[in-house]
PDB file of N, CA and C in Angstrom:
ATOM      1  N   MET A   1     122.492  93.947 104.365  1.00  0.00           N
ATOM      2  CA  MET A   1     121.906  94.803 104.548  1.00  0.00           C
ATOM      3  C   MET A   1     120.144  94.591 104.672  1.00  0.00           C
ATOM      4  N   LYS A   2     119.586  95.213 105.380  1.00  0.00           N
ATOM      5  CA  LYS A   2     118.046  94.980 105.397  1.00  0.00           C
ATOM      6  C   LYS A   2     117.515  96.138 104.929  1.00  0.00           C
ATOM      7  N   VAL A   3     116.291  95.085 104.214  1.00  0.00           N
ATOM      8  CA  VAL A   3     115.371  96.031 103.619  1.00  0.00           C
ATOM      9  C   VAL A   3     113.957  95.893 104.093  1.00  0.00           C
ATOM     10  N   LYS A   4     112.685  96.306 104.349  1.00  0.00           N
ATOM     11  CA  LYS A   4     111.625  96.239 104.680  1.00  0.00           C
ATOM     12  C   LYS A   4     110.852  96.436 103.674  1.00  0.00           C
ATOM     13  N   VAL A   5     109.971  95.451 103.389  1.00  0.00           N
ATOM     14  CA  VAL A   5     109.041  95.496 102.190  1.00  0.00           C
ATOM     15  C   VAL A   5     107.598  95.229 102.816  1.00  0.00           C
ATOM     16  N   LYS A   6     106.863  95.636 102.292  1.00  0.00           N
ATOM     17  CA  LYS A   6     105.456  95.451 102.508  1.00  0.00           C
ATOM     18  C   LYS A   6     104.785  95.837 101.024  1.00  0.00           C
ATOM     19  N   ALA A   7     103.991  94.965 101.366  1.00  0.00           N
ATOM     20  CA  ALA A   7     102.667  95.085  99.756  1.00  0.00           C
ATOM     21  C   ALA A   7     101.367  94.967  99.930  1.00  0.00           C
ATOM     22  N   TYR A   8     100.622  95.212  99.436  1.00  0.00           N
ATOM     23  CA  TYR A   8      99.343  95.676  99.553  1.00  0.00           C
ATOM     24  C   TYR A   8      98.505  95.224  98.569  1.00  0.00           C
ATOM     25  N   ALA A   9      97.344  94.709  98.540  1.00  0.00           N
ATOM     26  CA  ALA A   9      95.904  94.143  97.672  1.00  0.00           C
ATOM     27  C   ALA A   9      96.918  93.144  96.872  1.00  0.00           C
ATOM     28  N   SER A  10      96.410  92.871  95.420  1.00  0.00           N
ATOM     29  CA  SER A  10      96.904  91.542  94.815  1.00  0.00           C
ATOM     30  C   SER A  10      98.060  91.459  94.614  1.00  0.00           C
ATOM     31  N   LEU A  11      98.948  92.729  95.167  1.00  0.00           N
ATOM     32  CA  LEU A  11     100.432  92.257  95.156  1.00  0.00           C
ATOM     33  C   LEU A  11     100.989  91.705  96.385  1.00  0.00           C
ATOM     34  N   ARG A  12     100.183  91.746  97.238  1.00  0.00           N
ATOM     35  CA  ARG A  12     100.251  91.169  98.667  1.00  0.00           C
ATOM     36  C   ARG A  12     100.564  89.337  98.391  1.00  0.00           C
ATOM     37  N   GLU A  13      99.304  89.058  97.730  1.00  0.00           N
ATOM     38  CA  GLU A  13      99.778  87.418  97.410  1.00  0.00           C
ATOM     39  C   GLU A  13     100.972  87.112  96.744  1.00  0.00           C
ATOM     40  N   SER A  14     101.432  88.093  95.386  1.00  0.00           N
ATOM     41  CA  SER A  14     102.616  87.530  95.099  1.00  0.00           C
ATOM     42  C   SER A  14     103.549  87.517  95.861  1.00  0.00           C
ATOM     43  N   LEU A  15     103.686  88.431  96.993  1.00  0.00           N
ATOM     44  CA  LEU A  15     104.980  88.973  97.705  1.00  0.00           C
ATOM     45  C   LEU A  15     104.911  87.514  98.928  1.00  0.00           C
ATOM     46  N   GLY A  16     103.755  86.564  98.949  1.00  0.00           N
ATOM     47  CA  GLY A  16     103.659  85.702  99.673  1.00  0.00           C
ATOM     48  C   GLY A  16     103.539  86.221 101.611  1.00  0.00           C
ATOM     49  N   SER A  17     103.556  87.468 101.683  1.00  0.00           N
ATOM     50  CA  SER A  17     103.223  87.996 102.778  1.00  0.00           C
ATOM     51  C   SER A  17     102.800  89.203 102.640  1.00  0.00           C
ATOM     52  N   GLY A  18     102.132  90.105 103.748  1.00  0.00           N
ATOM     53  CA  GLY A  18     101.906  91.295 103.468  1.00  0.00           C
ATOM     54  C   GLY A  18     103.201  92.334 103.806  1.00  0.00           C
ATOM     55  N   GLU A  19     104.198  91.534 104.658  1.00  0.00           N
ATOM     56  CA  GLU A  19     105.339  92.855 105.042  1.00  0.00           C
ATOM     57  C   GLU A  19     106.512  91.647 105.330  1.00  0.00           C
ATOM     58  N   MET A  20     107.827  91.625 105.012  1.00  0.00           N
ATOM     59  CA  MET A  20     108.799  91.003 105.424  1.00  0.00           C
ATOM     60  C   MET A  20     110.453  91.691 105.539  1.00  0.00           C
ATOM     61  N   GLU A  21     111.263  91.150 106.090  1.00  0.00           N
ATOM     62  CA  GLU A  21     112.610  92.019 105.979  1.00  0.00           C
ATOM     63  C   GLU A  21     113.291  91.103 105.100  1.00  0.00           C
ATOM     64  N   VAL A  22     114.065  91.787 104.132  1.00  0.00           N
ATOM     65  CA  VAL A  22     114.877  90.907 103.208  1.00  0.00           C
ATOM     66  C   VAL A  22     116.449  91.597 103.567  1.00  0.00           C
ATOM     67  N   ASP A  23     117.125  90.209 103.594  1.00  0.00           N
ATOM     68  CA  ASP A  23     118.706  90.423 103.780  1.00  0.00           C
ATOM     69  C   ASP A  23     119.066  90.832 102.175  1.00  0.00           C
ATOM     70  N   LEU A  24     119.985  91.947 101.745  1.00  0.00           N
ATOM     71  CA  LEU A  24     120.486  91.988 100.382  1.00  0.00           C
ATOM     72  C   LEU A  24     122.102  92.450 101.072  1.00  0.00           C
ATOM     73  N   PRO A  25     122.849  91.890  99.852  1.00  0.00           N
ATOM     74  CA  PRO A  25     124.195  92.520  99.602  1.00  0.00           C
ATOM     75  C   PRO A  25     124.302  93.911 100.085  1.00  0.00           C
ATOM     76  N   GLY A  26     125.162  94.611 100.579  1.00  0.00           N
ATOM     77  CA  GLY A  26     125.158  96.014 100.538  1.00  0.00           C
ATOM     78  C   GLY A  26     125.858  96.616  99.128  1.00  0.00           C
ATOM     79  N   GLY A  27     126.280  97.644  98.592  1.00  0.00           N
ATOM     80  CA  GLY A  27     126.886  98.511  97.973  1.00  0.00           C
ATOM     81  C   GLY A  27     126.290  98.987  96.608  1.00  0.00           C
ATOM     82  N   GLU A  28     127.418  98.566  95.287  1.00  0.00           N
ATOM     83  CA  GLU A  28     126.679  99.163  94.203  1.00  0.00           C
ATOM     84  C   GLU A  28     125.552  98.304  93.302  1.00  0.00           C
ATOM     85  N   GLU A  29     125.410  96.911  94.063  1.00  0.00           N
ATOM     86  CA  GLU A  29     124.239  96.155  93.487  1.00  0.00           C
ATOM     87  C   GLU A  29     122.730  96.019  93.941  1.00  0.00           C
ATOM     88  N   ALA A  30     122.762  97.117  95.067  1.00  0.00           N
ATOM     89  CA  ALA A  30     121.689  96.876  95.818  1.00  0.00           C
ATOM     90  C   ALA A  30     120.760  97.714  95.306  1.00  0.00           C
ATOM     91  N   THR A  31     119.750  97.084  94.291  1.00  0.00           N
ATOM     92  CA  THR A  31     119.052  97.891  93.603  1.00  0.00           C
ATOM     93  C   THR A  31     117.476  97.592  93.968  1.00  0.00           C
ATOM     94  N   LEU A  32     116.173  97.991  93.507  1.00  0.00           N
ATOM     95  CA  LEU A  32     115.232  97.468  93.415  1.00  0.00           C
ATOM     96  C   LEU A  32     114.803  96.229  92.529  1.00  0.00           C
ATOM     97  N   GLU A  33     115.582  96.222  91.488  1.00  0.00           N
ATOM     98  CA  GLU A  33     115.520  94.771  90.920  1.00  0.00           C
ATOM     99  C   GLU A  33     116.270  93.434  91.548  1.00  0.00           C
ATOM    100  N   LYS A  34     117.160  93.905  92.442  1.00  0.00           N
ATOM    101  CA  LYS A  34     117.904  92.836  93.192  1.00  0.00           C
ATOM    102  C   LYS A  34     116.996  92.336  94.042  1.00  0.00           C
ATOM    103  N   LEU A  35     116.318  93.090  95.127  1.00  0.00           N
ATOM    104  CA  LEU A  35     115.748  93.224  96.056  1.00  0.00           C
ATOM    105  C   LEU A  35     114.506  92.297  95.470  1.00  0.00           C
ATOM    106  N   VAL A  36     113.528  92.692  94.542  1.00  0.00           N
ATOM    107  CA  VAL A  36     112.607  91.723  93.675  1.00  0.00           C
ATOM    108  C   VAL A  36     113.024  90.392  93.604  1.00  0.00           C
ATOM    109  N   GLU A  37     114.186  90.323  92.721  1.00  0.00           N
ATOM    110  CA  GLU A  37     114.627  88.932  92.622  1.00  0.00           C
ATOM    111  C   GLU A  37     114.976  88.065  93.886  1.00  0.00           C
ATOM    112  N   LYS A  38     115.484  88.464  94.849  1.00  0.00           N
ATOM    113  CA  LYS A  38     115.577  87.657  96.135  1.00  0.00           C
ATOM    114  C   LYS A  38     114.184  87.349  96.772  1.00  0.00           C
ATOM    115  N   ILE A  39     113.442  88.219  96.699  1.00  0.00           N
ATOM    116  CA  ILE A  39     111.937  87.701  97.204  1.00  0.00           C
ATOM    117  C   ILE A  39     111.527  86.732  96.433  1.00  0.00           C
ATOM    118  N   GLU A  40     111.272  86.616  95.141  1.00  0.00           N
ATOM    119  CA  GLU A  40     111.353  85.447  94.195  1.00  0.00           C
ATOM    120  C   GLU A  40     111.762  84.227  94.523  1.00  0.00           C
ATOM    121  N   ARG A  41     113.086  84.156  94.795  1.00  0.00           N
ATOM    122  CA  ARG A  41     114.378  83.097  95.146  1.00  0.00           C
ATOM    123  C   ARG A  41     113.759  82.660  96.407  1.00  0.00           C
ATOM    124  N   GLU A  42     113.485  83.557  97.339  1.00  0.00           N
ATOM    125  CA  GLU A  42     112.770  83.324  98.659  1.00  0.00           C
ATOM    126  C   GLU A  42     111.359  82.680  98.849  1.00  0.00           C
ATOM    127  N   GLY A  43     110.861  82.307  97.537  1.00  0.00           N
ATOM    128  CA  GLY A  43     109.509  82.228  97.924  1.00  0.00           C
ATOM    129  C   GLY A  43     108.136  83.127  96.871  1.00  0.00           C
ATOM    130  N   GLY A  44     108.335  84.486  97.033  1.00  0.00           N
ATOM    131  CA  GLY A  44     107.517  85.018  96.152  1.00  0.00           C
ATOM    132  C   GLY A  44     107.072  84.560  94.367  1.00  0.00           C
ATOM    133  N   ARG A  45     106.304  84.544  94.359  1.00  0.00           N
ATOM    134  CA  ARG A  45     105.437  84.041  93.317  1.00  0.00           C
ATOM    135  C   ARG A  45     105.519  85.371  91.899  1.00  0.00           C
ATOM    136  N   LYS A  46     106.265  85.188  90.906  1.00  0.00           N
ATOM    137  CA  LYS A  46     106.327  86.067  89.747  1.00  0.00           C
ATOM    138  C   LYS A  46     105.956  87.638  89.973  1.00  0.00           C
ATOM    139  N   LEU A  47     106.606  88.091  91.501  1.00  0.00           N
ATOM    140  CA  LEU A  47     106.653  89.114  91.977  1.00  0.00           C
ATOM    141  C   LEU A  47     106.884  90.536  90.525  1.00  0.00           C
ATOM    142  N   GLU A  48     108.264  89.964  89.806  1.00  0.00           N
ATOM    143  CA  GLU A  48     109.175  90.669  88.860  1.00  0.00           C
ATOM    144  C   GLU A  48     107.994  91.310  87.630  1.00  0.00           C
ATOM    145  N   GLU A  49     107.635  89.925  87.161  1.00  0.00           N
ATOM    146  CA  GLU A  49     106.613  90.450  86.080  1.00  0.00           C
ATOM    147  C   GLU A  49     105.627  91.122  86.176  1.00  0.00           C
ATOM    148  N   LYS A  50     105.006  91.492  87.399  1.00  0.00           N
ATOM    149  CA  LYS A  50     103.913  92.133  88.077  1.00  0.00           C
ATOM    150  C   LYS A  50     104.236  93.778  88.243  1.00  0.00           C
ATOM    151  N   ILE A  51     105.757  93.477  88.184  1.00  0.00           N
ATOM    152  CA  ILE A  51     106.031  95.115  88.768  1.00  0.00           C
ATOM    153  C   ILE A  51     106.514  96.276  87.536  1.00  0.00           C
ATOM    154  N   PHE A  52     107.522  95.305  87.002  1.00  0.00           N
ATOM    155  CA  PHE A  52     108.326  95.835  86.087  1.00  0.00           C
ATOM    156  C   PHE A  52     107.661  95.387  84.449  1.00  0.00           C
ATOM    157  N   GLY A  53     108.011  96.347  83.438  1.00  0.00           N
ATOM    158  CA  GLY A  53     107.672  96.060  82.067  1.00  0.00           C
ATOM    159  C   GLY A  53     109.116  95.757  81.679  1.00  0.00           C
ATOM    160  N   GLU A  54     109.188  95.224  80.509  1.00  0.00           N
ATOM    161  CA  GLU A  54     110.174  94.899  79.603  1.00  0.00           C
ATOM    162  C   GLU A  54     111.254  96.218  79.721  1.00  0.00           C
ATOM    163  N   ASP A  55     110.853  97.196  79.577  1.00  0.00           N
ATOM    164  CA  ASP A  55     111.812  98.717  79.953  1.00  0.00           C
ATOM    165  C   ASP A  55     112.503  98.833  80.528  1.00  0.00           C
ATOM    166  N   GLY A  56     112.022  98.162  81.869  1.00  0.00           N
ATOM    167  CA  GLY A  56     112.706  98.791  83.425  1.00  0.00           C
ATOM    168  C   GLY A  56     112.331  99.257  83.951  1.00  0.00           C
ATOM    169  N   LYS A  57     110.867  99.969  83.780  1.00  0.00           N
ATOM    170  CA  LYS A  57     110.277 101.035  84.224  1.00  0.00           C
ATOM    171  C   LYS A  57     109.005  99.863  85.100  1.00  0.00           C
ATOM    172  N   VAL A  58     108.752 100.618  86.027  1.00  0.00           N
ATOM    173  CA  VAL A  58     107.609 100.360  86.647  1.00  0.00           C
ATOM    174  C   VAL A  58     106.506 100.794  86.302  1.00  0.00           C
ATOM    175  N   LYS A  59     105.627  99.510  85.851  1.00  0.00           N
ATOM    176  CA  LYS A  59     104.398  99.607  85.287  1.00  0.00           C
ATOM    177  C   LYS A  59     103.054 100.271  85.836  1.00  0.00           C
ATOM    178  N   PRO A  60     102.483 100.684  84.249  1.00  0.00           N
ATOM    179  CA  PRO A  60     101.354 102.277  85.229  1.00  0.00           C
ATOM    180  C   PRO A  60     100.449 101.661  86.254  1.00  0.00           C
ATOM    181  N   ASP A  61     100.332 100.216  85.940  1.00  0.00           N
ATOM    182  CA  ASP A  61      99.214  99.801  87.058  1.00  0.00           C
ATOM    183  C   ASP A  61      99.571  99.624  88.753  1.00  0.00           C
ATOM    184  N   VAL A  62     101.128  99.849  88.757  1.00  0.00           N
ATOM    185  CA  VAL A  62     101.807  99.713  90.282  1.00  0.00           C
ATOM    186  C   VAL A  62     102.522 100.628  90.624  1.00  0.00           C
ATOM    187  N   ILE A  63     102.147 101.060  92.118  1.00  0.00           N
ATOM    188  CA  ILE A  63     102.825 102.281  92.722  1.00  0.00           C
ATOM    189  C   ILE A  63     103.969 101.673  93.409  1.00  0.00           C
ATOM    190  N   VAL A  64     105.307 102.073  93.114  1.00  0.00           N
ATOM    191  CA  VAL A  64     106.242 101.515  94.251  1.00  0.00           C
ATOM    192  C   VAL A  64     106.986 102.841  94.941  1.00  0.00           C
ATOM    193  N   LEU A  65     107.091 102.723  96.593  1.00  0.00           N
ATOM    194  CA  LEU A  65     107.469 103.593  97.334  1.00  0.00           C
ATOM    195  C   LEU A  65     108.621 103.275  97.998  1.00  0.00           C
ATOM    196  N   VAL A  66     109.737 103.793  97.896  1.00  0.00           N
ATOM    197  CA  VAL A  66     110.854 103.674  98.580  1.00  0.00           C
ATOM    198  C   VAL A  66     110.871 104.867  99.759  1.00  0.00           C
ATOM    199  N   ASN A  67     111.090 104.413 101.062  1.00  0.00           N
ATOM    200  CA  ASN A  67     110.803 105.538 101.972  1.00  0.00           C
ATOM    201  C   ASN A  67     109.795 106.447 101.675  1.00  0.00           C
ATOM    202  N   GLY A  68     108.711 106.611 101.299  1.00  0.00           N
ATOM    203  CA  GLY A  68     107.462 107.351 101.044  1.00  0.00           C
ATOM    204  C   GLY A  68     107.581 108.075  99.660  1.00  0.00           C
ATOM    205  N   LYS A  69     108.814 107.606  98.802  1.00  0.00           N
ATOM    206  CA  LYS A  69     108.824 108.609  97.617  1.00  0.00           C
ATOM    207  C   LYS A  69     108.733 107.381  96.149  1.00  0.00           C
ATOM    208  N   THR A  70     107.947 108.184  95.390  1.00  0.00           N
ATOM    209  CA  THR A  70     107.719 107.047  94.296  1.00  0.00           C
ATOM    210  C   THR A  70     108.936 106.853  93.286  1.00  0.00           C
ATOM    211  N   VAL A  71     108.903 105.632  92.848  1.00  0.00           N
ATOM    212  CA  VAL A  71     110.072 104.927  92.387  1.00  0.00           C
ATOM    213  C   VAL A  71     109.295 104.507  90.652  1.00  0.00           C
ATOM    214  N   ASN A  72     110.436 105.174  89.713  1.00  0.00           N
ATOM    215  CA  ASN A  72     109.955 104.252  88.396  1.00  0.00           C
ATOM    216  C   ASN A  72     110.746 103.546  88.018  1.00  0.00           C
ATOM    217  N   SER A  73     111.894 103.004  88.304  1.00  0.00           N
ATOM    218  CA  SER A  73     112.966 102.346  87.886  1.00  0.00           C
ATOM    219  C   SER A  73     113.384 101.189  88.673  1.00  0.00           C
ATOM    220  N   LYS A  74     113.596  99.726  87.992  1.00  0.00           N
ATOM    221  CA  LYS A  74     114.221  98.797  88.706  1.00  0.00           C
ATOM    222  C   LYS A  74     115.251  99.456  89.026  1.00  0.00           C
ATOM    223  N   ARG A  75     116.107  99.920  88.840  1.00  0.00           N
ATOM    224  CA  ARG A  75     117.723  99.941  88.541  1.00  0.00           C
ATOM    225  C   ARG A  75     117.628 101.248  89.932  1.00  0.00           C
ATOM    226  N   PHE A  76     116.796 101.710  90.864  1.00  0.00           N
ATOM    227  CA  PHE A  76     116.502 102.251  91.854  1.00  0.00           C
ATOM    228  C   PHE A  76     117.430 101.753  92.751  1.00  0.00           C
ATOM    229  N   LYS A  77     118.596 102.837  93.278  1.00  0.00           N
ATOM    230  CA  LYS A  77     119.323 102.074  94.275  1.00  0.00           C
ATOM    231  C   LYS A  77     118.834 102.097  96.161  1.00  0.00           C
ATOM    232  N   ILE A  78     118.910 100.981  96.698  1.00  0.00           N
ATOM    233  CA  ILE A  78     118.206 101.092  97.975  1.00  0.00           C
ATOM    234  C   ILE A  78     119.104 100.820  98.884  1.00  0.00           C
ATOM    235  N   GLY A  79     119.092 100.941 100.183  1.00  0.00           N
ATOM    236  CA  GLY A  79     119.824 100.862 101.085  1.00  0.00           C
ATOM    237  C   GLY A  79     119.252 100.737 102.425  1.00  0.00           C
ATOM    238  N   ASN A  80     120.612 100.425 103.031  1.00  0.00           N
ATOM    239  CA  ASN A  80     119.871  99.343 104.298  1.00  0.00           C
ATOM    240  C   ASN A  80     119.196 100.384 105.303  1.00  0.00           C
ATOM    241  N   GLY A  81     118.346  99.542 106.060  1.00  0.00           N
ATOM    242  CA  GLY A  81     116.724 100.251 106.577  1.00  0.00           C
ATOM    243  C   GLY A  81     116.023 100.896 105.729  1.00  0.00           C
ATOM    244  N   ASP A  82     115.922 100.828 104.318  1.00  0.00           N
ATOM    245  CA  ASP A  82     115.132 101.674 103.494  1.00  0.00           C
ATOM    246  C   ASP A  82     113.966 100.494 103.660  1.00  0.00           C
ATOM    247  N   MET A  83     112.640 101.276 103.539  1.00  0.00           N
ATOM    248  CA  MET A  83     111.603 100.898 103.263  1.00  0.00           C
ATOM    249  C   MET A  83     110.584 100.671 102.175  1.00  0.00           C
ATOM    250  N   VAL A  84     110.137  99.349 101.546  1.00  0.00           N
ATOM    251  CA  VAL A  84     109.955  99.415 100.023  1.00  0.00           C
ATOM    252  C   VAL A  84     108.617  99.074  99.768  1.00  0.00           C
ATOM    253  N   ILE A  85     107.461  99.709  99.515  1.00  0.00           N
ATOM    254  CA  ILE A  85     106.230  99.442  99.121  1.00  0.00           C
ATOM    255  C   ILE A  85     105.599  99.193  98.059  1.00  0.00           C
ATOM    256  N   PHE A  86     105.118  97.942  97.913  1.00  0.00           N
ATOM    257  CA  PHE A  86     104.072  97.989  96.689  1.00  0.00           C
ATOM    258  C   PHE A  86     102.881  97.896  96.457  1.00  0.00           C
ATOM    259  N   MET A  87     102.566  98.408  95.608  1.00  0.00           N
ATOM    260  CA  MET A  87     101.143  98.431  95.816  1.00  0.00           C
ATOM    261  C   MET A  87      99.900  99.223  94.538  1.00  0.00           C
ATOM    262  N   PRO A  88      99.124  98.427  94.322  1.00  0.00           N
ATOM    263  CA  PRO A  88      98.228  98.896  93.031  1.00  0.00           C
ATOM    264  C   PRO A  88      97.767 100.330  93.221  1.00  0.00           C
ATOM    265  N   PRO A  89      97.612 101.382  92.500  1.00  0.00           N
ATOM    266  CA  PRO A  89      96.945 102.368  92.377  1.00  0.00           C
ATOM    267  C   PRO A  89      95.901 102.400  93.211  1.00  0.00           C
ATOM    268  N   VAL A  90      95.175 103.673  93.931  1.00  0.00           N
ATOM    269  CA  VAL A  90      94.084 103.581  94.912  1.00  0.00           C
ATOM    270  C   VAL A  90      93.116 104.215  93.943  1.00  0.00           C
ATOM    271  N   SER A  91      91.909 104.257  93.834  1.00  0.00           N
ATOM    272  CA  SER A  91      91.005 105.422  92.817  1.00  0.00           C
ATOM    273  C   SER A  91      89.810 105.197  93.697  1.00  0.00           C
ATOM    274  N   GLY A  92      89.040 106.117  93.696  1.00  0.00           N
ATOM    275  CA  GLY A  92      87.681 106.189  94.464  1.00  0.00           C
ATOM    276  C   GLY A  92      86.443 106.528  93.576  1.00  0.00           C
ATOM    277  N   GLY A  93      85.204 106.846  93.794  1.00  0.00           N
ATOM    278  CA  GLY A  93      84.161 107.150  92.880  1.00  0.00           C
ATOM    279  C   GLY A  93      83.452 107.992  93.732  1.00  0.00           C
TER     280      GLY A  93
END
């Protein structure tokens, strides 16, 4: 299955690119965690430690969206054609 991935700001550098498409095996094992592991194996640098805490939840200084909805766990299931976005929170003054 194919998953589209985008990353912004500081996470873009960790991804190695601003946008990519990743092939993952389908089924029960298709999770956000497996996606990040595959990206790291294919050249992403230390992405997992920047996104997830030791408890398996998304860190408070990162926003993860799957198809436009906020996701808080690396165990979140993803499907074919999903769009996953990694970005730091946006604030203004």
